[in-house]
Amino acid sequence: MTIHVPFRIVKRGGLKEMQLPEAATQPRRADSTLVTMVYRACRCKRVLELGEVATIAELPESKGIARCYMTRVMRLTLLAPDIVEAIRDRRQGPEATLANSMEPFPLTWKAQPVGPWL
């Protein structure tokens, strides 16, 4: 028995990825880095809310991470709750990546585009 599966190999950032034809349904793959960053952002926000650190300036020192990294992480706490929930549940679309989430987005939840995230 022979099975024919049409696909092509595409290079992305030094990695090779198997790409199916446009007509084929592809499973959604969550950006695991984005999921991890959202979890870290929520944890850091919780530390601030519980008063474990007095100011946001003390937060990077208490976690042993760089201040610039902390600002990138904390930015994700400004995403709308439904978007954060979609990321946590790994329901976001393939275009919802950490790189895309670092692009400027509206601060009001209603103005945030849901399209790329769900």
Protein backbone atom coordinates (compact mmCIF):
# COMPACT_ATOMS: atom_id res chain seq x y z
CA MET A 1 0.00 0.00 0.00
CA THR A 2 1.29 3.45 -0.87
CA ILE A 3 0.01 6.67 0.63
CA HIS A 4 0.63 9.95 -1.15
CA VAL A 5 0.69 13.08 1.03
CA PRO A 6 1.37 16.31 -0.86
CA PHE A 7 3.56 18.68 1.13
CA ARG A 8 6.55 20.93 0.77
CA ILE A 9 9.48 21.75 3.02
CA VAL A 10 9.80 25.42 4.01
CA LYS A 11 12.73 26.94 5.90
CA ARG A 12 11.77 29.27 8.74
CA GLY A 13 14.47 30.81 10.85
CA GLY A 14 16.91 27.97 10.33
CA LEU A 15 14.28 25.30 10.97
CA LYS A 16 12.62 23.18 8.33
CA GLU A 17 8.86 22.92 8.48
CA MET A 18 6.53 20.63 6.59
CA GLN A 19 3.75 22.66 4.95
CA LEU A 20 0.55 21.09 3.67
CA PRO A 21 -1.37 22.43 0.64
CA GLU A 22 -3.80 25.32 1.12
CA ALA A 23 -6.86 23.07 0.80
CA ALA A 24 -5.72 20.74 3.59
CA THR A 25 -6.83 21.54 7.10
CA GLN A 26 -3.89 22.14 9.37
CA PRO A 27 -4.09 21.79 13.12
CA ARG A 28 -3.58 24.97 15.10
CA ARG A 29 -0.25 25.15 16.85
CA ALA A 30 0.15 27.45 19.78
CA ASP A 31 3.27 29.55 20.20
CA SER A 32 4.59 27.96 23.39
CA THR A 33 6.85 30.95 24.07
CA LEU A 34 3.84 33.26 24.05
CA VAL A 35 1.96 30.93 26.40
CA THR A 36 4.94 30.88 28.79
CA MET A 37 5.27 34.67 28.71
CA VAL A 38 1.58 35.14 29.49
CA TYR A 39 1.90 32.82 32.49
CA ARG A 40 4.95 34.74 33.71
CA ALA A 41 3.18 38.07 33.25
CA CYS A 42 0.19 36.88 35.28
CA ARG A 43 2.48 35.56 38.02
CA CYS A 44 4.38 38.85 38.22
CA LYS A 45 1.14 40.82 38.31
CA ARG A 46 -0.10 38.61 41.15
CA VAL A 47 3.13 39.23 43.11
CA LEU A 48 2.53 42.97 42.78
CA GLU A 49 -1.15 42.72 43.76
CA LEU A 50 -0.38 40.62 46.83
CA GLY A 51 2.19 43.15 47.98
CA GLU A 52 5.13 40.74 47.99
CA VAL A 53 7.16 43.60 46.48
CA ALA A 54 6.53 47.28 47.17
CA THR A 55 7.10 48.64 43.66
CA ILE A 56 7.39 47.39 40.12
CA ALA A 57 11.08 48.39 40.21
CA GLU A 58 11.70 45.74 42.88
CA LEU A 59 10.03 43.00 40.86
CA PRO A 60 12.93 42.18 38.49
CA GLU A 61 15.36 42.04 41.41
CA SER A 62 13.11 39.71 43.40
CA LYS A 63 12.73 37.35 40.42
CA GLY A 64 16.37 37.58 39.35
CA ILE A 65 15.61 38.77 35.84
CA ALA A 66 16.58 41.79 33.75
CA ARG A 67 14.46 44.95 33.93
CA CYS A 68 14.03 45.13 30.12
CA TYR A 69 12.73 41.54 30.11
CA MET A 70 10.29 42.43 32.89
CA THR A 71 8.84 45.34 30.92
CA ARG A 72 8.23 43.07 27.93
CA VAL A 73 6.57 40.47 30.15
CA MET A 74 4.39 42.93 32.04
CA ARG A 75 3.13 44.40 28.79
CA LEU A 76 1.16 41.20 28.22
CA THR A 77 -0.96 41.94 31.30
CA LEU A 78 -2.61 44.71 29.26
CA LEU A 79 -4.22 42.22 26.88
CA ALA A 80 -7.97 41.73 27.17
CA PRO A 81 -9.07 38.83 29.42
CA ASP A 82 -10.62 36.87 26.54
CA ILE A 83 -7.36 37.10 24.59
CA VAL A 84 -5.32 35.98 27.62
CA GLU A 85 -7.73 33.08 28.14
CA ALA A 86 -7.39 32.02 24.49
CA ILE A 87 -3.59 32.08 24.80
CA ARG A 88 -3.65 30.12 28.06
CA ASP A 89 -5.98 27.51 26.55
CA ARG A 90 -3.77 27.39 23.43
CA ARG A 91 -6.70 28.38 21.21
CA GLN A 92 -4.90 31.28 19.55
CA GLY A 93 -4.33 31.25 15.82
CA PRO A 94 -0.96 30.53 14.24
CA GLU A 95 -0.38 34.25 13.61
CA ALA A 96 -0.57 34.97 17.35
CA THR A 97 3.11 34.80 18.25
CA LEU A 98 5.30 36.43 20.85
CA ALA A 99 6.80 38.66 18.17
CA ASN A 100 3.34 39.85 17.12
CA SER A 101 2.30 40.47 20.72
CA MET A 102 5.25 42.83 21.16
CA GLU A 103 3.84 45.09 18.44
CA PRO A 104 1.88 48.11 19.74
CA PHE A 105 -1.74 47.32 20.51
CA PRO A 106 -4.60 49.47 21.92
CA LEU A 107 -4.70 49.65 25.70
CA THR A 108 -8.51 49.50 25.92
CA TRP A 109 -9.79 45.95 25.80
CA LYS A 110 -12.67 46.74 23.43
CA ALA A 111 -10.29 48.28 20.89
CA GLN A 112 -7.93 45.29 20.85
CA PRO A 113 -8.34 43.21 17.69
CA VAL A 114 -9.47 39.71 18.57
CA GLY A 115 -8.85 38.40 15.04
CA PRO A 116 -5.16 37.50 15.31
CA TRP A 117 -5.61 35.93 18.73
CA LEU A 118 -8.54 33.59 18.21
